[in-house]
N, C-alpha and C. Protein backbone atom coordinates (compact mmCIF):
# COMPACT_ATOMS: atom_id res chain seq x y z
N UNK A 1 -4.70 22.58 5.84
CA UNK A 1 -5.11 21.21 6.00
C UNK A 1 -3.91 20.37 6.41
N UNK A 2 -4.19 19.33 7.18
CA UNK A 2 -3.14 18.42 7.63
C UNK A 2 -3.61 16.99 7.44
N UNK A 3 -2.79 16.20 6.76
CA UNK A 3 -3.08 14.77 6.61
C UNK A 3 -2.54 14.06 7.84
N UNK A 4 -3.41 13.38 8.55
CA UNK A 4 -3.06 12.74 9.82
C UNK A 4 -2.64 11.29 9.58
N UNK A 5 -1.53 10.91 10.21
CA UNK A 5 -1.01 9.56 10.11
C UNK A 5 -1.79 8.62 11.03
N UNK A 6 -1.93 7.39 10.62
CA UNK A 6 -2.65 6.39 11.40
C UNK A 6 -2.09 6.25 12.81
N UNK A 7 -0.78 6.27 12.95
CA UNK A 7 -0.16 6.06 14.25
C UNK A 7 -0.58 7.12 15.27
N UNK A 8 -0.75 8.34 14.84
CA UNK A 8 -1.20 9.41 15.73
C UNK A 8 -2.61 9.09 16.23
N UNK A 9 -3.47 8.64 15.34
CA UNK A 9 -4.84 8.31 15.71
C UNK A 9 -4.90 7.07 16.60
N UNK A 10 -4.03 6.10 16.34
CA UNK A 10 -4.00 4.91 17.18
C UNK A 10 -3.56 5.24 18.61
N UNK A 11 -2.72 6.26 18.74
CA UNK A 11 -2.35 6.70 20.09
C UNK A 11 -3.59 7.11 20.88
N UNK A 12 -4.54 7.76 20.21
CA UNK A 12 -5.78 8.16 20.87
C UNK A 12 -6.67 6.96 21.13
N UNK A 13 -6.85 6.14 20.11
CA UNK A 13 -7.76 5.00 20.19
C UNK A 13 -7.33 4.03 21.28
N UNK A 14 -6.03 3.83 21.41
CA UNK A 14 -5.52 2.88 22.39
C UNK A 14 -5.19 3.55 23.73
N UNK A 15 -5.34 4.86 23.78
CA UNK A 15 -5.00 5.66 24.97
C UNK A 15 -3.58 5.33 25.43
N UNK A 16 -2.66 5.37 24.48
CA UNK A 16 -1.26 5.04 24.74
C UNK A 16 -0.71 5.93 25.86
N UNK A 17 -0.23 5.34 26.94
CA UNK A 17 0.23 6.13 28.08
C UNK A 17 1.46 6.99 27.79
N UNK A 18 2.23 6.63 26.79
CA UNK A 18 3.44 7.38 26.45
C UNK A 18 3.24 8.40 25.35
N UNK A 19 2.22 8.22 24.53
CA UNK A 19 2.10 9.07 23.34
C UNK A 19 0.76 9.79 23.18
N UNK A 20 -0.26 9.39 23.88
CA UNK A 20 -1.59 9.97 23.65
C UNK A 20 -1.62 11.47 23.89
N UNK A 21 -1.01 11.94 24.97
CA UNK A 21 -1.02 13.38 25.24
C UNK A 21 -0.34 14.17 24.14
N UNK A 22 0.80 13.67 23.67
CA UNK A 22 1.52 14.35 22.59
C UNK A 22 0.66 14.38 21.32
N UNK A 23 0.05 13.26 20.98
CA UNK A 23 -0.77 13.17 19.77
C UNK A 23 -1.98 14.11 19.85
N UNK A 24 -2.61 14.17 21.01
CA UNK A 24 -3.74 15.08 21.18
C UNK A 24 -3.29 16.52 20.98
N UNK A 25 -2.17 16.87 21.57
CA UNK A 25 -1.65 18.24 21.43
C UNK A 25 -1.35 18.57 19.96
N UNK A 26 -0.78 17.62 19.24
CA UNK A 26 -0.46 17.84 17.83
C UNK A 26 -1.72 18.01 16.99
N UNK A 27 -2.74 17.20 17.28
CA UNK A 27 -4.01 17.32 16.55
C UNK A 27 -4.68 18.65 16.85
N UNK A 28 -4.65 19.08 18.09
CA UNK A 28 -5.25 20.37 18.45
C UNK A 28 -4.54 21.51 17.74
N UNK A 29 -3.22 21.47 17.72
CA UNK A 29 -2.45 22.51 17.03
C UNK A 29 -2.76 22.51 15.54
N UNK A 30 -2.78 21.33 14.93
CA UNK A 30 -3.05 21.23 13.49
C UNK A 30 -4.47 21.70 13.16
N UNK A 31 -5.41 21.44 14.05
CA UNK A 31 -6.80 21.83 13.77
C UNK A 31 -6.96 23.35 13.73
N UNK A 32 -6.07 24.07 14.38
CA UNK A 32 -6.12 25.53 14.35
C UNK A 32 -5.68 26.08 12.99
N UNK A 33 -4.93 25.30 12.25
CA UNK A 33 -4.43 25.71 10.94
C UNK A 33 -5.34 25.31 9.79
N UNK A 34 -6.29 24.41 10.06
CA UNK A 34 -7.19 23.99 8.99
C UNK A 34 -7.73 22.59 9.26
N UNK A 35 -8.42 22.05 8.25
CA UNK A 35 -9.05 20.73 8.41
C UNK A 35 -8.04 19.62 8.68
N UNK A 36 -8.51 18.61 9.44
CA UNK A 36 -7.73 17.40 9.69
C UNK A 36 -8.23 16.33 8.73
N UNK A 37 -7.36 15.86 7.88
CA UNK A 37 -7.75 14.91 6.85
C UNK A 37 -7.14 13.55 7.08
N UNK A 38 -7.88 12.53 6.67
CA UNK A 38 -7.32 11.18 6.53
C UNK A 38 -7.71 10.70 5.14
N UNK A 39 -6.91 9.79 4.61
CA UNK A 39 -7.28 9.22 3.31
C UNK A 39 -7.89 7.84 3.53
N UNK A 40 -8.27 7.21 2.45
CA UNK A 40 -8.94 5.91 2.57
C UNK A 40 -8.01 4.82 3.09
N UNK A 41 -6.71 4.99 2.95
CA UNK A 41 -5.77 4.01 3.50
C UNK A 41 -5.74 4.12 5.02
N UNK A 42 -5.65 5.33 5.54
CA UNK A 42 -5.67 5.54 6.98
C UNK A 42 -7.01 5.04 7.55
N UNK A 43 -8.09 5.33 6.87
CA UNK A 43 -9.42 4.86 7.30
C UNK A 43 -9.42 3.34 7.41
N UNK A 44 -8.87 2.66 6.41
CA UNK A 44 -8.84 1.19 6.43
C UNK A 44 -7.93 0.67 7.55
N UNK A 45 -6.81 1.34 7.78
CA UNK A 45 -5.92 0.92 8.86
C UNK A 45 -6.59 1.07 10.22
N UNK A 46 -7.39 2.10 10.40
CA UNK A 46 -8.12 2.30 11.65
C UNK A 46 -9.23 1.27 11.82
N UNK A 47 -9.79 0.81 10.73
CA UNK A 47 -10.95 -0.07 10.76
C UNK A 47 -10.72 -1.35 11.56
N UNK A 48 -9.48 -1.82 11.60
CA UNK A 48 -9.21 -3.06 12.32
C UNK A 48 -9.42 -2.92 13.83
N UNK A 49 -9.49 -1.70 14.34
CA UNK A 49 -9.69 -1.45 15.77
C UNK A 49 -11.16 -1.43 16.17
N UNK A 50 -12.07 -1.51 15.20
CA UNK A 50 -13.50 -1.36 15.48
C UNK A 50 -14.28 -2.57 15.00
N UNK A 51 -15.34 -2.89 15.74
CA UNK A 51 -16.18 -4.03 15.37
C UNK A 51 -17.13 -3.70 14.23
N UNK A 52 -17.56 -2.43 14.16
CA UNK A 52 -18.51 -2.04 13.10
C UNK A 52 -18.04 -0.74 12.44
N UNK A 53 -18.50 -0.55 11.23
CA UNK A 53 -18.18 0.68 10.51
C UNK A 53 -18.82 1.89 11.21
N UNK A 54 -19.94 1.67 11.86
CA UNK A 54 -20.59 2.76 12.59
C UNK A 54 -19.71 3.26 13.74
N UNK A 55 -19.06 2.33 14.44
CA UNK A 55 -18.15 2.73 15.52
C UNK A 55 -16.95 3.51 14.96
N UNK A 56 -16.43 3.05 13.85
CA UNK A 56 -15.32 3.74 13.20
C UNK A 56 -15.74 5.14 12.77
N UNK A 57 -16.88 5.22 12.11
CA UNK A 57 -17.37 6.53 11.66
C UNK A 57 -17.64 7.47 12.83
N UNK A 58 -18.10 6.93 13.94
CA UNK A 58 -18.33 7.76 15.14
C UNK A 58 -17.00 8.34 15.64
N UNK A 59 -15.94 7.54 15.63
CA UNK A 59 -14.62 8.04 16.03
C UNK A 59 -14.15 9.12 15.07
N UNK A 60 -14.27 8.86 13.78
CA UNK A 60 -13.83 9.83 12.77
C UNK A 60 -14.57 11.15 12.96
N UNK A 61 -15.86 11.09 13.17
CA UNK A 61 -16.65 12.31 13.39
C UNK A 61 -16.25 13.01 14.69
N UNK A 62 -16.11 12.25 15.77
CA UNK A 62 -15.77 12.83 17.07
C UNK A 62 -14.38 13.48 17.04
N UNK A 63 -13.48 12.92 16.26
CA UNK A 63 -12.13 13.47 16.15
C UNK A 63 -12.05 14.65 15.19
N UNK A 64 -13.15 14.93 14.51
CA UNK A 64 -13.17 16.06 13.58
C UNK A 64 -12.37 15.81 12.32
N UNK A 65 -12.33 14.55 11.88
CA UNK A 65 -11.57 14.18 10.70
C UNK A 65 -12.44 14.18 9.45
N UNK A 66 -11.83 14.52 8.34
CA UNK A 66 -12.50 14.43 7.04
C UNK A 66 -11.78 13.36 6.22
N UNK A 67 -12.55 12.47 5.61
CA UNK A 67 -11.96 11.42 4.77
C UNK A 67 -11.90 11.94 3.34
N UNK A 68 -10.69 11.96 2.79
CA UNK A 68 -10.46 12.37 1.40
C UNK A 68 -9.83 11.20 0.66
N UNK A 69 -10.54 10.63 -0.32
CA UNK A 69 -9.97 9.49 -1.03
C UNK A 69 -8.74 9.87 -1.86
N UNK A 70 -7.89 8.87 -2.06
CA UNK A 70 -6.72 9.05 -2.92
C UNK A 70 -7.15 8.75 -4.36
N UNK A 71 -6.76 9.61 -5.25
CA UNK A 71 -7.05 9.39 -6.68
C UNK A 71 -5.74 9.20 -7.42
N UNK A 72 -5.73 8.24 -8.32
CA UNK A 72 -4.53 7.99 -9.13
C UNK A 72 -4.80 8.37 -10.55
């Protein structure tokens, strides 16, 4: 399993011309080793890029991400 940082996902969401290809390659490599995880903080940080929770959830699903909450 790999916990994915928000910045890597924002590279995809914004189609960053300098970083998107690298981020996609890293996600593809990590997905071969196991699940791609985000926590509820990363989910919340991504939320500001979407108008609705449905749009956010569609991105999370399309990217093959699993949301795992942080427990204290």
